[in-house]
């Protein structure tokens, strides 16, 4: 597949992911009548569902990263060149931000509205480490065991991680940056973004190394 098509797929996929995350968050918060658990559930299900759809349709084009941490993993595995990886990350971030703005327009929310939601502290950071480490492991293990199941498995993992991690599983630097632009249910204060991204990237690197060892053929260990 040509590079321009791969980049458009990454842009459109990340755009659609963030439009879903933020749009469903706004809808869920409006309909939940103050019940945060119901609002989180209303945010969780669409996010997991759209990941299944997006990975299924864009996987054959760009491998459906939609996530700089995933792109970093495959760059470390030398399955994508550093130059192309950099372009992937750029379009992922741009797609995510524009997806947030599209959600704001759809729900008649203020277009540029930086989040004030504080997400910081050791519990949140450990949650992000666990979420990202698990996501990378899920992808690598599923590619080896049953590649055709990756869309469903990733969607289910994120659906679960929304609930078992303290951070509600951002697990994605592009998502983290984009959600800082939205003072809604899904937002994160801009001041907290750098720490989240640092933890996500560290987790991605460690998970790549660990699962390379764990999943290696016996003769290559």
Protein backbone atom coordinates (compact mmCIF):
# COMPACT_ATOMS: atom_id res chain seq x y z
CA UNK A 1 0.00 0.00 0.00
CA UNK A 2 1.33 3.43 -0.89
CA UNK A 3 2.55 5.71 1.88
CA UNK A 4 -0.05 8.40 1.20
CA UNK A 5 -2.87 5.89 1.63
CA UNK A 6 -1.30 4.55 4.81
CA UNK A 7 -1.04 8.05 6.27
CA UNK A 8 -4.62 8.91 5.35
CA UNK A 9 -5.77 5.67 6.99
CA UNK A 10 -3.88 6.56 10.18
CA UNK A 11 -5.28 10.08 10.15
CA UNK A 12 -8.86 9.00 9.52
CA UNK A 13 -8.68 6.14 11.99
CA UNK A 14 -7.38 8.34 14.80
CA UNK A 15 -9.88 11.06 13.89
CA UNK A 16 -12.72 8.55 14.13
CA UNK A 17 -11.40 7.12 17.40
CA UNK A 18 -11.28 10.52 19.11
CA UNK A 19 -14.61 11.65 17.68
CA UNK A 20 -16.05 8.51 19.25
CA UNK A 21 -14.27 8.83 22.60
CA UNK A 22 -15.18 12.48 23.10
CA UNK A 23 -18.58 12.37 21.39
CA UNK A 24 -19.76 9.35 23.37
CA UNK A 25 -18.37 10.96 26.53
CA UNK A 26 -20.44 14.08 25.95
CA UNK A 27 -23.55 12.07 25.11
CA UNK A 28 -23.07 9.74 28.06
CA UNK A 29 -22.57 12.58 30.54
CA UNK A 30 -25.68 14.40 29.30
CA UNK A 31 -27.88 11.30 29.52
CA UNK A 32 -26.49 9.79 32.75
CA UNK A 33 -28.13 12.43 34.97
CA UNK A 34 -25.09 12.68 37.22
CA UNK A 35 -24.43 8.94 37.51
CA UNK A 36 -20.70 8.70 36.77
CA UNK A 37 -20.72 4.90 36.51
CA UNK A 38 -23.42 5.00 33.84
CA UNK A 39 -21.57 7.77 32.02
CA UNK A 40 -18.35 5.75 32.04
CA UNK A 41 -20.19 2.72 30.70
CA UNK A 42 -21.70 4.87 27.97
CA UNK A 43 -18.21 6.05 27.07
CA UNK A 44 -16.62 2.59 27.27
CA UNK A 45 -18.85 0.57 24.97
CA UNK A 46 -18.62 2.87 21.92
CA UNK A 47 -14.85 3.14 22.32
CA UNK A 48 -14.33 -0.61 22.34
CA UNK A 49 -16.78 -1.06 19.49
CA UNK A 50 -15.22 1.57 17.23
CA UNK A 51 -11.77 0.06 17.74
CA UNK A 52 -13.03 -3.26 16.38
CA UNK A 53 -14.45 -1.47 13.34
CA UNK A 54 -11.43 0.77 12.68
CA UNK A 55 -8.80 -1.95 13.07
CA UNK A 56 -10.80 -4.26 10.82
CA UNK A 57 -11.21 -1.78 7.98
CA UNK A 58 -7.87 0.04 8.17
CA UNK A 59 -5.64 -2.83 9.29
CA UNK A 60 -5.00 -4.01 5.71
CA UNK A 61 -3.99 -0.47 4.71
CA UNK A 62 -1.80 0.95 7.48
CA UNK A 63 -1.78 -1.85 10.09
CA UNK A 64 -4.17 0.37 12.09
CA UNK A 65 -1.84 1.76 14.74
CA UNK A 66 -3.79 4.95 15.64
CA UNK A 67 -1.39 5.22 18.56
CA UNK A 68 2.22 6.51 18.80
CA UNK A 69 2.98 3.90 21.46
CA UNK A 70 2.02 1.14 19.03
CA UNK A 71 4.01 2.80 16.26
CA UNK A 72 7.02 3.00 18.59
CA UNK A 73 6.66 -0.71 19.31
CA UNK A 74 6.74 -1.64 15.64
CA UNK A 75 9.60 0.77 14.97
CA UNK A 76 11.60 -0.98 17.70
CA UNK A 77 10.74 -4.30 16.05
CA UNK A 78 11.99 -2.82 12.73
CA UNK A 79 8.65 -3.43 11.07
CA UNK A 80 8.32 0.26 10.19
CA UNK A 81 11.14 2.67 9.37
CA UNK A 82 11.86 5.62 11.69
CA UNK A 83 10.90 8.13 9.00
CA UNK A 84 7.54 6.53 8.31
CA UNK A 85 6.98 6.07 12.05
CA UNK A 86 7.47 9.81 12.54
CA UNK A 87 4.89 10.57 9.85
CA UNK A 88 2.47 8.09 11.43
CA UNK A 89 2.79 9.85 14.79
CA UNK A 90 2.27 13.26 13.22
CA UNK A 91 -0.94 12.31 11.42
CA UNK A 92 -2.20 10.41 14.48
CA UNK A 93 -1.87 13.52 16.64
CA UNK A 94 -3.45 15.78 14.02
CA UNK A 95 -6.26 13.33 13.37
CA UNK A 96 -6.96 13.02 17.08
CA UNK A 97 -7.17 16.76 17.66
CA UNK A 98 -9.46 17.29 14.67
CA UNK A 99 -11.61 14.37 15.84
CA UNK A 100 -12.09 16.15 19.18
CA UNK A 101 -13.07 19.38 17.41
CA UNK A 102 -15.55 17.45 15.25
CA UNK A 103 -17.17 16.02 18.40
CA UNK A 104 -17.43 19.51 19.85
CA UNK A 105 -19.16 20.76 16.70
CA UNK A 106 -21.57 17.82 16.63
CA UNK A 107 -22.65 18.41 20.22
CA UNK A 108 -22.55 22.23 19.98
CA UNK A 109 -19.81 22.40 22.58
CA UNK A 110 -17.28 25.24 22.69
CA UNK A 111 -14.83 24.49 19.87
CA UNK A 112 -11.57 25.24 21.67
CA UNK A 113 -12.04 24.27 25.31
CA UNK A 114 -8.93 22.96 27.14
CA UNK A 115 -9.74 20.41 29.83
CA UNK A 116 -9.65 21.20 33.53
CA UNK A 117 -9.91 17.55 34.62
CA UNK A 118 -6.94 16.72 36.85
CA UNK A 119 -5.46 13.29 36.20
CA UNK A 120 -2.23 13.03 38.13
CA UNK A 121 -0.56 11.06 40.91
CA UNK A 122 1.03 7.66 41.35
CA UNK A 123 -2.24 5.78 41.02
CA UNK A 124 -3.03 7.36 37.65
CA UNK A 125 0.51 6.85 36.37
CA UNK A 126 0.57 3.20 37.41
CA UNK A 127 -2.82 2.80 35.75
CA UNK A 128 -1.43 4.17 32.50
CA UNK A 129 1.63 1.95 32.71
CA UNK A 130 -0.51 -1.15 33.24
CA UNK A 131 -2.93 -0.14 30.49
CA UNK A 132 -0.23 0.54 27.90
CA UNK A 133 1.95 -2.45 28.79
CA UNK A 134 -1.11 -4.68 28.52
CA UNK A 135 -2.22 -3.16 25.22
CA UNK A 136 1.16 -3.74 23.57
CA UNK A 137 1.29 -7.26 24.96
CA UNK A 138 -2.22 -7.97 23.74
CA UNK A 139 -1.38 -6.82 20.22
CA UNK A 140 1.92 -8.72 19.97
CA UNK A 141 0.60 -11.94 21.47
CA UNK A 142 -2.52 -11.90 19.32
CA UNK A 143 -0.51 -11.25 16.14
CA UNK A 144 1.49 -14.37 16.90
CA UNK A 145 -1.37 -16.59 18.06
CA UNK A 146 -4.33 -15.46 15.95
CA UNK A 147 -3.77 -12.40 13.74
CA UNK A 148 -7.30 -12.30 12.40
CA UNK A 149 -8.61 -11.75 15.93
CA UNK A 150 -6.62 -8.56 16.60
CA UNK A 151 -9.53 -6.12 16.02
CA UNK A 152 -11.84 -7.91 18.44
CA UNK A 153 -9.16 -8.59 21.03
CA UNK A 154 -7.91 -4.99 21.11
CA UNK A 155 -11.46 -3.66 21.33
CA UNK A 156 -12.23 -6.01 24.21
CA UNK A 157 -8.97 -5.17 25.98
CA UNK A 158 -9.66 -1.43 25.92
CA UNK A 159 -13.25 -2.03 27.01
CA UNK A 160 -11.98 -3.94 30.03
CA UNK A 161 -9.11 -1.55 30.75
CA UNK A 162 -11.50 1.41 30.98
CA UNK A 163 -12.75 -0.27 34.16
CA UNK A 164 -9.79 -2.09 35.69
CA UNK A 165 -7.27 0.78 35.47
CA UNK A 166 -7.40 3.87 37.65
CA UNK A 167 -6.73 6.14 34.66
CA UNK A 168 -9.53 4.66 32.50
CA UNK A 169 -6.87 3.49 30.06
CA UNK A 170 -5.79 6.28 27.74
CA UNK A 171 -2.81 4.06 26.72
CA UNK A 172 -2.17 6.30 23.71
CA UNK A 173 -0.12 9.53 23.46
CA UNK A 174 -2.19 10.87 20.54
CA UNK A 175 -5.40 10.26 22.47
CA UNK A 176 -3.89 11.92 25.54
CA UNK A 177 -2.89 15.05 23.61
CA UNK A 178 -6.25 15.29 21.85
CA UNK A 179 -8.31 14.83 25.01
CA UNK A 180 -6.51 17.79 26.58
CA UNK A 181 -8.45 19.95 24.10
CA UNK A 182 -11.81 18.85 25.50
CA UNK A 183 -13.23 20.06 28.81
CA UNK A 184 -15.74 17.24 28.83
CA UNK A 185 -16.15 13.83 30.47
CA UNK A 186 -13.18 12.43 28.53
CA UNK A 187 -10.78 15.31 29.14
CA UNK A 188 -7.37 15.57 30.79
CA UNK A 189 -5.80 18.80 32.01
CA UNK A 190 -2.95 19.93 29.71
CA UNK A 191 -0.58 20.07 32.70
CA UNK A 192 -1.04 16.31 33.22
CA UNK A 193 -0.39 15.26 29.62
CA UNK A 194 3.42 15.05 29.73
CA UNK A 195 3.49 12.60 32.64
CA UNK A 196 0.88 10.37 31.01
CA UNK A 197 2.79 10.27 27.73
CA UNK A 198 6.09 9.55 29.47
CA UNK A 199 4.60 6.59 31.30
CA UNK A 200 2.90 5.32 28.12
CA UNK A 201 6.12 5.40 26.09
CA UNK A 202 8.17 3.75 28.85
CA UNK A 203 5.54 1.03 29.13
CA UNK A 204 5.55 0.54 25.35
CA UNK A 205 9.32 0.10 25.23
CA UNK A 206 9.38 -2.33 28.16
CA UNK A 207 6.43 -4.31 26.81
CA UNK A 208 8.06 -4.59 23.39
CA UNK A 209 11.21 -6.04 24.93
CA UNK A 210 9.40 -8.33 27.33
CA UNK A 211 7.02 -9.82 24.76
CA UNK A 212 9.83 -10.17 22.22
CA UNK A 213 11.45 -12.51 24.75
CA UNK A 214 8.24 -14.19 25.84
CA UNK A 215 6.92 -14.91 22.36
CA UNK A 216 10.24 -15.82 20.69
CA UNK A 217 10.54 -19.23 19.10
CA UNK A 218 12.55 -21.58 21.36
CA UNK A 219 15.48 -21.78 18.96
CA UNK A 220 15.76 -17.98 18.97
CA UNK A 221 15.80 -17.53 22.74
